[in-house]
C-alpha atoms as a PDB file:
ATOM      1  CA  MET A   1      67.252 105.798  41.728  1.00  0.00           C
ATOM      2  CA  THR A   2      68.949 108.447  39.672  1.00  0.00           C
ATOM      3  CA  ASP A   3      71.944 107.521  37.524  1.00  0.00           C
ATOM      4  CA  LEU A   4      73.481 110.985  37.850  1.00  0.00           C
ATOM      5  CA  GLN A   5      76.875 111.268  39.488  1.00  0.00           C
ATOM      6  CA  VAL A   6      78.070 114.474  41.137  1.00  0.00           C
ATOM      7  CA  ARG A   7      81.696 115.009  40.131  1.00  0.00           C
ATOM      8  CA  LYS A   8      83.742 117.649  41.906  1.00  0.00           C
ATOM      9  CA  LEU A   9      86.410 118.881  39.503  1.00  0.00           C
ATOM     10  CA  ARG A  10      88.767 121.847  39.637  1.00  0.00           C
ATOM     11  CA  PHE A  11      90.713 123.096  36.647  1.00  0.00           C
ATOM     12  CA  GLY A  12      93.675 125.087  37.973  1.00  0.00           C
ATOM     13  CA  PHE A  13      92.562 128.470  36.691  1.00  0.00           C
ATOM     14  CA  ALA A  14      94.484 130.251  39.445  1.00  0.00           C
ATOM     15  CA  ASP A  15      97.751 128.518  38.493  1.00  0.00           C
ATOM     16  CA  ARG A  16      98.502 130.901  35.641  1.00  0.00           C
ATOM     17  CA  ARG A  17      96.857 133.651  33.612  1.00  0.00           C
ATOM     18  CA  VAL A  18      93.748 132.683  31.681  1.00  0.00           C
ATOM     19  CA  PRO A  19      93.927 134.119  28.143  1.00  0.00           C
ATOM     20  CA  PHE A  20      90.831 135.851  26.843  1.00  0.00           C
ATOM     21  CA  ILE A  21      91.341 134.217  23.431  1.00  0.00           C
ATOM     22  CA  TRP A  22      91.966 130.769  24.893  1.00  0.00           C
ATOM     23  CA  ASN A  23      91.728 129.100  21.465  1.00  0.00           C
ATOM     24  CA  GLU A  24      93.870 131.258  19.179  1.00  0.00           C
ATOM     25  CA  SER A  25      92.743 129.318  16.110  1.00  0.00           C
ATOM     26  CA  ASP A  26      89.125 130.378  16.742  1.00  0.00           C
ATOM     27  CA  PRO A  27      88.794 133.842  18.348  1.00  0.00           C
ATOM     28  CA  ALA A  28      85.033 134.077  17.704  1.00  0.00           C
ATOM     29  CA  PHE A  29      84.343 130.822  19.531  1.00  0.00           C
ATOM     30  CA  SER A  30      86.666 131.915  22.350  1.00  0.00           C
ATOM     31  CA  CYS A  31      84.645 135.118  22.829  1.00  0.00           C
ATOM     32  CA  ALA A  32      81.363 133.227  22.764  1.00  0.00           C
ATOM     33  CA  ALA A  33      82.585 130.583  25.216  1.00  0.00           C
ATOM     34  CA  ASN A  34      83.768 133.234  27.684  1.00  0.00           C
ATOM     35  CA  VAL A  35      80.285 134.754  27.691  1.00  0.00           C
ATOM     36  CA  LEU A  36      78.802 131.264  28.060  1.00  0.00           C
ATOM     37  CA  SER A  37      80.934 130.778  31.167  1.00  0.00           C
ATOM     38  CA  PHE A  38      79.345 133.892  32.667  1.00  0.00           C
ATOM     39  CA  PHE A  39      75.900 132.781  31.480  1.00  0.00           C
ATOM     40  CA  PHE A  40      76.194 129.337  33.068  1.00  0.00           C
ATOM     41  CA  LEU A  41      77.366 130.894  36.306  1.00  0.00           C
ATOM     42  CA  VAL A  42      74.319 133.153  36.657  1.00  0.00           C
ATOM     43  CA  ILE A  43      71.643 130.866  35.248  1.00  0.00           C
ATOM     44  CA  GLU A  44      72.630 127.909  37.402  1.00  0.00           C
ATOM     45  CA  LYS A  45      71.896 130.041  40.458  1.00  0.00           C
ATOM     46  CA  MET A  46      68.369 130.527  39.112  1.00  0.00           C
ATOM     47  CA  ILE A  47      68.053 126.805  38.386  1.00  0.00           C
ATOM     48  CA  SER A  48      69.027 125.880  41.932  1.00  0.00           C
ATOM     49  CA  ALA A  49      66.587 128.371  43.474  1.00  0.00           C
ATOM     50  CA  THR A  50      63.757 127.214  41.210  1.00  0.00           C
ATOM     51  CA  VAL A  51      64.214 123.484  41.798  1.00  0.00           C
ATOM     52  CA  HIS A  52      64.502 123.930  45.555  1.00  0.00           C
ATOM     53  CA  GLU A  53      61.326 126.019  45.497  1.00  0.00           C
ATOM     54  CA  ALA A  54      59.543 123.240  43.621  1.00  0.00           C
ATOM     55  CA  LEU A  55      60.875 120.328  45.710  1.00  0.00           C
ATOM     56  CA  PRO A  56      58.136 120.405  48.388  1.00  0.00           C
ATOM     57  CA  THR A  57      55.521 119.791  45.678  1.00  0.00           C
ATOM     58  CA  ILE A  58      57.293 116.707  44.278  1.00  0.00           C
ATOM     59  CA  THR A  59      55.656 113.611  45.772  1.00  0.00           C
ATOM     60  CA  ASP A  60      57.558 110.946  43.832  1.00  0.00           C
ATOM     61  CA  PRO A  61      60.760 110.161  45.777  1.00  0.00           C
ATOM     62  CA  GLU A  62      62.611 109.096  42.618  1.00  0.00           C
ATOM     63  CA  VAL A  63      61.833 112.411  40.942  1.00  0.00           C
ATOM     64  CA  ALA A  64      62.938 114.258  44.089  1.00  0.00           C
ATOM     65  CA  GLU A  65      66.216 112.331  44.040  1.00  0.00           C
ATOM     66  CA  GLU A  66      66.690 113.157  40.359  1.00  0.00           C
ATOM     67  CA  ALA A  67      66.020 116.843  41.090  1.00  0.00           C
ATOM     68  CA  LEU A  68      68.590 116.988  43.872  1.00  0.00           C
ATOM     69  CA  ALA A  69      71.243 115.220  41.790  1.00  0.00           C
ATOM     70  CA  PHE A  70      70.482 117.591  38.907  1.00  0.00           C
ATOM     71  CA  VAL A  71      70.984 120.758  40.973  1.00  0.00           C
ATOM     72  CA  ARG A  72      74.090 119.301  42.624  1.00  0.00           C
ATOM     73  CA  GLN A  73      75.655 118.712  39.226  1.00  0.00           C
ATOM     74  CA  GLU A  74      74.674 122.225  38.189  1.00  0.00           C
ATOM     75  CA  GLY A  75      76.146 123.565  41.420  1.00  0.00           C
ATOM     76  CA  GLN A  76      79.505 122.016  40.598  1.00  0.00           C
ATOM     77  CA  HIS A  77      79.356 123.547  37.129  1.00  0.00           C
ATOM     78  CA  SER A  78      78.647 126.943  38.677  1.00  0.00           C
ATOM     79  CA  MET A  79      81.633 126.669  41.026  1.00  0.00           C
ATOM     80  CA  ALA A  80      83.982 125.785  38.168  1.00  0.00           C
ATOM     81  CA  HIS A  81      82.722 128.544  35.884  1.00  0.00           C
ATOM     82  CA  ARG A  82      83.050 130.963  38.806  1.00  0.00           C
ATOM     83  CA  GLN A  83      86.771 130.188  38.956  1.00  0.00           C
ATOM     84  CA  HIS A  84      87.098 130.728  35.207  1.00  0.00           C
ATOM     85  CA  ALA A  85      85.190 134.017  35.445  1.00  0.00           C
ATOM     86  CA  LYS A  86      87.219 135.145  38.455  1.00  0.00           C
ATOM     87  CA  GLU A  87      90.497 134.776  36.601  1.00  0.00           C
ATOM     88  CA  LEU A  88      89.143 136.443  33.452  1.00  0.00           C
ATOM     89  CA  ILE A  89      87.967 139.391  35.551  1.00  0.00           C
ATOM     90  CA  LYS A  90      91.337 139.570  37.297  1.00  0.00           C
ATOM     91  CA  ALA A  91      92.973 140.017  33.889  1.00  0.00           C
ATOM     92  CA  TYR A  92      90.178 142.184  32.454  1.00  0.00           C
ATOM     93  CA  PRO A  93      88.398 144.009  35.332  1.00  0.00           C
ATOM     94  CA  ALA A  94      85.834 145.582  32.985  1.00  0.00           C
ATOM     95  CA  LEU A  95      84.242 142.152  32.618  1.00  0.00           C
ATOM     96  CA  GLN A  96      82.888 142.410  36.168  1.00  0.00           C
ATOM     97  CA  GLU A  97      80.295 144.891  34.921  1.00  0.00           C
ATOM     98  CA  ILE A  98      79.061 142.435  32.304  1.00  0.00           C
ATOM     99  CA  LEU A  99      78.810 139.620  34.858  1.00  0.00           C
ATOM    100  CA  ASP A 100      76.967 141.847  37.345  1.00  0.00           C
ATOM    101  CA  GLU A 101      74.448 142.877  34.691  1.00  0.00           C
ATOM    102  CA  MET A 102      73.779 139.258  33.704  1.00  0.00           C
ATOM    103  CA  ALA A 103      73.371 138.224  37.334  1.00  0.00           C
ATOM    104  CA  ALA A 104      70.922 141.063  37.978  1.00  0.00           C
ATOM    105  CA  VAL A 105      68.714 139.936  35.088  1.00  0.00           C
ATOM    106  CA  TYR A 106      68.426 136.398  36.427  1.00  0.00           C
ATOM    107  CA  ASP A 107      67.990 137.543  40.014  1.00  0.00           C
ATOM    108  CA  ASP A 108      65.063 139.621  38.765  1.00  0.00           C
ATOM    109  CA  LEU A 109      63.647 136.664  36.828  1.00  0.00           C
ATOM    110  CA  THR A 110      63.797 134.534  39.976  1.00  0.00           C
ATOM    111  CA  ALA A 111      62.099 137.222  42.053  1.00  0.00           C
ATOM    112  CA  THR A 112      59.346 138.247  39.644  1.00  0.00           C
ATOM    113  CA  THR A 113      58.176 135.130  37.780  1.00  0.00           C
ATOM    114  CA  SER A 114      56.305 132.033  38.920  1.00  0.00           C
ATOM    115  CA  VAL A 115      58.007 128.740  39.650  1.00  0.00           C
ATOM    116  CA  LYS A 116      55.871 127.278  36.836  1.00  0.00           C
ATOM    117  CA  TYR A 117      57.367 129.683  34.299  1.00  0.00           C
ATOM    118  CA  ARG A 118      60.891 129.151  35.563  1.00  0.00           C
ATOM    119  CA  LEU A 119      60.564 125.361  35.445  1.00  0.00           C
ATOM    120  CA  ALA A 120      59.418 125.718  31.839  1.00  0.00           C
ATOM    121  CA  TYR A 121      62.329 128.097  31.197  1.00  0.00           C
ATOM    122  CA  VAL A 122      64.817 125.568  32.527  1.00  0.00           C
ATOM    123  CA  ALA A 123      63.209 122.645  30.683  1.00  0.00           C
ATOM    124  CA  ASP A 124      63.106 124.574  27.396  1.00  0.00           C
ATOM    125  CA  LEU A 125      66.697 125.713  27.641  1.00  0.00           C
ATOM    126  CA  GLU A 126      68.085 122.374  28.836  1.00  0.00           C
ATOM    127  CA  ALA A 127      66.330 120.616  25.963  1.00  0.00           C
ATOM    128  CA  THR A 128      68.362 122.652  23.456  1.00  0.00           C
ATOM    129  CA  PHE A 129      71.669 121.708  25.047  1.00  0.00           C
ATOM    130  CA  THR A 130      71.728 118.101  23.888  1.00  0.00           C
ATOM    131  CA  PRO A 131      71.646 118.750  20.110  1.00  0.00           C
ATOM    132  CA  THR A 132      73.834 121.854  20.427  1.00  0.00           C
ATOM    133  CA  PHE A 133      76.477 120.357  22.696  1.00  0.00           C
ATOM    134  CA  THR A 134      76.485 117.107  20.735  1.00  0.00           C
ATOM    135  CA  MET A 135      77.508 119.116  17.669  1.00  0.00           C
ATOM    136  CA  MET A 136      80.257 120.801  19.688  1.00  0.00           C
ATOM    137  CA  LEU A 137      81.565 117.555  21.185  1.00  0.00           C
ATOM    138  CA  ASN A 138      81.572 115.940  17.748  1.00  0.00           C
ATOM    139  CA  ASN A 139      83.779 118.822  16.567  1.00  0.00           C
ATOM    140  CA  ALA A 140      85.969 119.102  19.645  1.00  0.00           C
ATOM    141  CA  ASP A 141      89.149 118.683  17.591  1.00  0.00           C
ATOM    142  CA  SER A 142      88.700 122.207  16.204  1.00  0.00           C
ATOM    143  CA  LEU A 143      86.653 123.895  18.948  1.00  0.00           C
ATOM    144  CA  PHE A 144      88.545 122.717  22.031  1.00  0.00           C
ATOM    145  CA  ALA A 145      91.715 120.738  21.338  1.00  0.00           C
ATOM    146  CA  PRO A 146      93.843 123.672  20.085  1.00  0.00           C
ATOM    147  CA  GLY A 147      93.043 125.835  23.117  1.00  0.00           C
ATOM    148  CA  ASP A 148      94.016 126.308  26.760  1.00  0.00           C
ATOM    149  CA  ASP A 149      93.471 122.858  28.240  1.00  0.00           C
ATOM    150  CA  ARG A 150      91.859 124.178  31.420  1.00  0.00           C
ATOM    151  CA  VAL A 151      89.121 126.023  29.560  1.00  0.00           C
ATOM    152  CA  ALA A 152      88.690 123.213  27.035  1.00  0.00           C
ATOM    153  CA  SER A 153      88.448 120.593  29.778  1.00  0.00           C
ATOM    154  CA  LEU A 154      85.936 122.694  31.719  1.00  0.00           C
ATOM    155  CA  PHE A 155      83.587 122.890  28.756  1.00  0.00           C
ATOM    156  CA  LEU A 156      84.032 119.232  27.805  1.00  0.00           C
ATOM    157  CA  TRP A 157      83.078 118.178  31.337  1.00  0.00           C
ATOM    158  CA  HIS A 158      80.137 120.549  31.473  1.00  0.00           C
ATOM    159  CA  PHE A 159      78.781 119.558  28.073  1.00  0.00           C
ATOM    160  CA  VAL A 160      79.127 115.842  28.842  1.00  0.00           C
ATOM    161  CA  GLU A 161      77.175 116.256  32.073  1.00  0.00           C
ATOM    162  CA  GLU A 162      74.523 118.391  30.381  1.00  0.00           C
ATOM    163  CA  ILE A 163      73.933 115.498  27.993  1.00  0.00           C
ATOM    164  CA  GLU A 164      74.116 113.020  30.878  1.00  0.00           C
ATOM    165  CA  HIS A 165      71.282 114.811  32.717  1.00  0.00           C
ATOM    166  CA  ARG A 166      69.440 115.651  29.487  1.00  0.00           C
ATOM    167  CA  SER A 167      66.127 114.309  30.829  1.00  0.00           C
ATOM    168  CA  SER A 168      66.283 115.807  34.326  1.00  0.00           C
ATOM    169  CA  ALA A 169      64.728 119.229  33.750  1.00  0.00           C
ATOM    170  CA  LEU A 170      61.837 117.732  31.793  1.00  0.00           C
ATOM    171  CA  ILE A 171      61.265 115.065  34.465  1.00  0.00           C
ATOM    172  CA  ILE A 172      61.016 117.797  37.107  1.00  0.00           C
ATOM    173  CA  TYR A 173      58.776 119.963  34.939  1.00  0.00           C
ATOM    174  CA  ASP A 174      56.423 117.076  34.178  1.00  0.00           C
ATOM    175  CA  ALA A 175      56.194 116.137  37.863  1.00  0.00           C
ATOM    176  CA  VAL A 176      55.372 119.670  39.015  1.00  0.00           C
ATOM    177  CA  VAL A 177      53.596 121.321  36.065  1.00  0.00           C
ATOM    178  CA  GLY A 178      52.701 118.466  33.751  1.00  0.00           C
ATOM    179  CA  ASP A 179      51.547 120.648  30.868  1.00  0.00           C
ATOM    180  CA  PRO A 180      53.659 120.091  27.723  1.00  0.00           C
ATOM    181  CA  TRP A 181      51.715 122.716  25.765  1.00  0.00           C
ATOM    182  CA  TYR A 182      52.500 125.444  28.311  1.00  0.00           C
ATOM    183  CA  ARG A 183      56.208 124.683  27.933  1.00  0.00           C
ATOM    184  CA  MET A 184      55.920 125.087  24.177  1.00  0.00           C
ATOM    185  CA  ARG A 185      53.812 128.263  24.470  1.00  0.00           C
ATOM    186  CA  VAL A 186      56.339 130.056  26.632  1.00  0.00           C
ATOM    187  CA  ALA A 187      59.347 128.900  24.572  1.00  0.00           C
ATOM    188  CA  PRO A 188      59.440 132.084  22.441  1.00  0.00           C
ATOM    189  CA  SER A 189      59.639 134.302  25.542  1.00  0.00           C
ATOM    190  CA  VAL A 190      62.258 132.004  27.088  1.00  0.00           C
ATOM    191  CA  PHE A 191      64.543 132.162  24.072  1.00  0.00           C
ATOM    192  CA  HIS A 192      63.979 135.872  23.611  1.00  0.00           C
ATOM    193  CA  HIS A 193      64.963 136.465  27.230  1.00  0.00           C
ATOM    194  CA  ALA A 194      68.042 134.228  27.193  1.00  0.00           C
ATOM    195  CA  GLY A 195      69.031 135.440  23.725  1.00  0.00           C
ATOM    196  CA  THR A 196      68.814 139.072  24.786  1.00  0.00           C
ATOM    197  CA  VAL A 197      71.028 138.415  27.813  1.00  0.00           C
ATOM    198  CA  LEU A 198      73.651 136.674  25.687  1.00  0.00           C
ATOM    199  CA  ALA A 199      73.491 139.191  22.819  1.00  0.00           C
ATOM    200  CA  THR A 200      73.851 142.136  25.199  1.00  0.00           C
ATOM    201  CA  ALA A 201      76.851 140.574  26.910  1.00  0.00           C
ATOM    202  CA  ILE A 202      78.553 139.669  23.625  1.00  0.00           C
ATOM    203  CA  ASN A 203      78.005 143.170  22.274  1.00  0.00           C
ATOM    204  CA  ARG A 204      79.509 144.604  25.455  1.00  0.00           C
ATOM    205  CA  LEU A 205      82.721 142.668  24.860  1.00  0.00           C
ATOM    206  CA  ASN A 206      83.426 144.981  21.937  1.00  0.00           C
ATOM    207  CA  THR A 207      83.407 148.040  24.194  1.00  0.00           C
ATOM    208  CA  HIS A 208      85.015 146.441  27.252  1.00  0.00           C
ATOM    209  CA  ILE A 209      87.835 144.403  25.675  1.00  0.00           C
ATOM    210  CA  PRO A 210      90.388 145.992  23.287  1.00  0.00           C
ATOM    211  CA  LEU A 211      90.549 144.607  19.775  1.00  0.00           C
ATOM    212  CA  GLU A 212      94.151 143.503  20.296  1.00  0.00           C
ATOM    213  CA  GLU A 213      92.881 141.166  23.019  1.00  0.00           C
ATOM    214  CA  ARG A 214      89.685 139.831  21.394  1.00  0.00           C
ATOM    215  CA  LYS A 215      91.141 139.727  17.841  1.00  0.00           C
ATOM    216  CA  VAL A 216      87.721 139.876  16.128  1.00  0.00           C
ATOM    217  CA  ASP A 217      84.369 141.598  16.387  1.00  0.00           C
ATOM    218  CA  ALA A 218      82.833 139.609  19.254  1.00  0.00           C
ATOM    219  CA  THR A 219      79.476 139.660  17.483  1.00  0.00           C
ATOM    220  CA  SER A 220      80.881 137.329  14.816  1.00  0.00           C
ATOM    221  CA  ILE A 221      78.724 134.691  16.518  1.00  0.00           C
ATOM    222  CA  PHE A 222      75.676 136.383  14.962  1.00  0.00           C
ATOM    223  CA  GLY A 223      77.045 136.333  11.424  1.00  0.00           C
ATOM    224  CA  PRO A 224      78.373 139.166   9.234  1.00  0.00           C
ATOM    225  CA  ASN A 225      77.412 142.769   9.998  1.00  0.00           C
ATOM    226  CA  ILE A 226      75.653 143.636   6.752  1.00  0.00           C
ATOM    227  CA  LYS A 227      75.311 147.361   7.524  1.00  0.00           C
ATOM    228  CA  LEU A 228      79.004 147.679   8.345  1.00  0.00           C
ATOM    229  CA  ALA A 229      80.008 145.750   5.231  1.00  0.00           C
ATOM    230  CA  LEU A 230      77.888 148.023   3.042  1.00  0.00           C
ATOM    231  CA  ALA A 231      79.233 151.185   4.722  1.00  0.00           C
ATOM    232  CA  GLN A 232      82.805 150.008   4.161  1.00  0.00           C
ATOM    233  CA  ARG A 233      82.114 149.226   0.515  1.00  0.00           C
ATOM    234  CA  PHE A 234      80.118 152.400  -0.107  1.00  0.00           C
ATOM    235  CA  PRO A 235      81.430 155.112   2.307  1.00  0.00           C
ATOM    236  CA  ILE A 236      78.760 157.568   1.168  1.00  0.00           C
ATOM    237  CA  LEU A 237      76.225 155.503   3.135  1.00  0.00           C
ATOM    238  CA  LYS A 238      77.852 156.593   6.413  1.00  0.00           C
ATOM    239  CA  GLN A 239      76.042 159.923   6.171  1.00  0.00           C
ATOM    240  CA  PHE A 240      72.860 158.023   6.999  1.00  0.00           C
ATOM    241  CA  ARG A 241      72.352 157.199  10.656  1.00  0.00           C
ATOM    242  CA  ARG A 242      71.268 153.656   9.838  1.00  0.00           C
ATOM    243  CA  PHE A 243      74.697 152.920   8.376  1.00  0.00           C
ATOM    244  CA  ASP A 244      76.721 154.886  10.929  1.00  0.00           C
ATOM    245  CA  VAL A 245      77.739 151.755  12.820  1.00  0.00           C
ATOM    246  CA  PRO A 246      80.978 151.249  14.766  1.00  0.00           C
ATOM    247  CA  ASP A 247      83.722 149.063  13.367  1.00  0.00           C
ATOM    248  CA  TYR A 248      84.894 146.682  16.095  1.00  0.00           C
ATOM    249  CA  GLY A 249      87.331 144.751  13.969  1.00  0.00           C
ATOM    250  CA  PRO A 250      87.267 141.876  11.496  1.00  0.00           C
ATOM    251  CA  THR A 251      84.342 139.493  11.422  1.00  0.00           C
ATOM    252  CA  GLN A 252      85.128 135.789  11.604  1.00  0.00           C
ATOM    253  CA  LYS A 253      82.807 133.129  10.285  1.00  0.00           C
ATOM    254  CA  PHE A 254      81.316 131.275  13.241  1.00  0.00           C
ATOM    255  CA  TYR A 255      81.851 127.489  13.335  1.00  0.00           C
ATOM    256  CA  PRO A 256      84.024 127.746  10.203  1.00  0.00           C
ATOM    257  CA  GLN A 257      85.132 124.105  10.415  1.00  0.00           C
ATOM    258  CA  ILE A 258      81.644 122.659  10.897  1.00  0.00           C
ATOM    259  CA  PRO A 259      79.731 121.881   7.680  1.00  0.00           C
ATOM    260  CA  LEU A 260      76.438 123.737   7.261  1.00  0.00           C
ATOM    261  CA  ARG A 261      74.528 120.456   7.041  1.00  0.00           C
ATOM    262  CA  VAL A 262      75.827 119.490  10.499  1.00  0.00           C
ATOM    263  CA  GLN A 263      74.799 122.873  11.879  1.00  0.00           C
ATOM    264  CA  ALA A 264      71.386 122.411  10.263  1.00  0.00           C
ATOM    265  CA  VAL A 265      70.942 119.039  11.967  1.00  0.00           C
ATOM    266  CA  ALA A 266      71.689 120.653  15.325  1.00  0.00           C
ATOM    267  CA  ALA A 267      69.259 123.494  14.613  1.00  0.00           C
ATOM    268  CA  LEU A 268      66.530 121.005  13.692  1.00  0.00           C
ATOM    269  CA  GLY A 269      67.242 119.157  16.940  1.00  0.00           C
ATOM    270  CA  VAL A 270      66.733 122.394  18.867  1.00  0.00           C
ATOM    271  CA  VAL A 271      63.338 122.904  17.220  1.00  0.00           C
ATOM    272  CA  ARG A 272      62.266 119.320  17.889  1.00  0.00           C
ATOM    273  CA  SER A 273      63.308 119.628  21.531  1.00  0.00           C
ATOM    274  CA  GLN A 274      60.454 122.066  22.152  1.00  0.00           C
ATOM    275  CA  ILE A 275      57.663 119.872  20.785  1.00  0.00           C
ATOM    276  CA  PRO A 276      55.388 118.083  23.292  1.00  0.00           C
ATOM    277  CA  GLY A 277      56.279 114.425  23.493  1.00  0.00           C
ATOM    278  CA  HIS A 278      60.004 115.089  23.065  1.00  0.00           C
ATOM    279  CA  LYS A 279      62.077 112.400  24.833  1.00  0.00           C
ATOM    280  CA  PRO A 280      65.644 113.630  25.470  1.00  0.00           C
ATOM    281  CA  GLY A 281      66.716 110.229  26.770  1.00  0.00           C
ATOM    282  CA  ARG A 282      66.390 108.749  23.293  1.00  0.00           C
ATOM    283  CA  HIS A 283      69.254 110.934  22.058  1.00  0.00           C
ATOM    284  CA  LYS A 284      72.346 108.847  21.386  1.00  0.00           C
ATOM    285  CA  LEU A 285      75.297 109.654  23.612  1.00  0.00           C
ATOM    286  CA  PRO A 286      78.072 111.312  21.546  1.00  0.00           C
ATOM    287  CA  ALA A 287      81.214 109.216  21.180  1.00  0.00           C
ATOM    288  CA  LEU A 288      83.342 111.772  23.019  1.00  0.00           C
ATOM    289  CA  ALA A 289      80.867 111.856  25.917  1.00  0.00           C
ATOM    290  CA  ALA A 290      81.008 108.070  26.224  1.00  0.00           C
ATOM    291  CA  GLU A 291      84.808 108.211  26.090  1.00  0.00           C
ATOM    292  CA  TRP A 292      84.901 110.977  28.719  1.00  0.00           C
ATOM    293  CA  LEU A 293      82.695 109.027  31.133  1.00  0.00           C
ATOM    294  CA  ALA A 294      84.744 105.861  30.640  1.00  0.00           C
ATOM    295  CA  ARG A 295      88.018 107.672  31.258  1.00  0.00           C
ATOM    296  CA  TYR A 296      86.649 109.452  34.315  1.00  0.00           C
ATOM    297  CA  ASN A 297      85.502 106.137  35.778  1.00  0.00           C
ATOM    298  CA  ALA A 298      88.944 104.679  35.058  1.00  0.00           C
ATOM    299  CA  GLY A 299      90.615 107.440  37.081  1.00  0.00           C
ATOM    300  CA  TYR A 300      92.035 109.632  34.316  1.00  0.00           C
ATOM    301  CA  ASP A 301      92.715 113.301  34.930  1.00  0.00           C
ATOM    302  CA  VAL A 302      89.824 114.758  32.955  1.00  0.00           C
ATOM    303  CA  THR A 303      90.683 118.278  34.169  1.00  0.00           C
ATOM    304  CA  ARG A 304      93.574 118.160  31.685  1.00  0.00           C
ATOM    305  CA  TRP A 305      91.856 116.253  28.935  1.00  0.00           C
ATOM    306  CA  TYR A 306      94.376 116.989  26.204  1.00  0.00           C
ATOM    307  CA  THR A 307      97.606 117.263  28.179  1.00  0.00           C
ATOM    308  CA  ALA A 308      97.440 114.820  31.100  1.00  0.00           C
ATOM    309  CA  GLU A 309     100.111 112.163  30.841  1.00  0.00           C
ATOM    310  CA  ASN A 310      97.710 109.351  31.677  1.00  0.00           C
ATOM    311  CA  HIS A 311      95.509 110.433  28.766  1.00  0.00           C
ATOM    312  CA  ALA A 312      98.352 110.865  26.287  1.00  0.00           C
ATOM    313  CA  SER A 313      99.886 107.500  27.140  1.00  0.00           C
ATOM    314  CA  GLN A 314      96.588 105.700  26.534  1.00  0.00           C
ATOM    315  CA  GLY A 315      95.393 107.747  23.572  1.00  0.00           C
END
């Protein structure tokens, strides 16, 4: 039997305005997380369609049970991110265009690629979440704690459950496809596709959201804009088309509070996650994830992780 638990949580996004920069101490991460909310919303639709398409070919009842629990968890994530996205779009209607474009890309992927490729896509992407989200959970004091508790609590819950079901996508892939080398072969196209979707959306924030709202160049996630920096230092370069790039505001270092060695460990974990023989279940549960699960089971209000009275009184 599967150990996965389907938790139905709601975060009160309709109760009051959701700020675009929900963590004022880290505008770049706020921008990136908003796009991730849109990304999770559209990709989890593809995941559900793919797993349900594959279910009739799964003969092992335990794997079938794991698959259903996996998509039910993902479905709850999608519903919660939909509420976050809805309130962001209410405040910033131009964001609807970005969400529609992202959804269209994944609808097309679902319609035009094989279930084999999409199962590999899901397994490849899910495998990267454990090292990446572990790094984020281990640095929650700077990435989440200073921000709007609804948004912070949404991402904490989602990241904990992604690590909880860290083996599910690979279990499903192995049961249906069973070719670890195919998963590795298609990984470059998977990450190019997902990366292009995310990069396009993040770039669009600069043209859809005023600087006074986003505070920084939204592309700070990708590192400093070398061409812009050179054009600002040497204005004569602007006469060349290559250096005639728009200035969307100050660039903020991404993950400024996380040491480079910690980021390097996460990056190495992402690479290892794509190698045949990778066993996600061997990954140690982050301390915050273990704490979150224990508090949830004890009845704490995890939808207000940092502000709920029952959390503060026991912290």
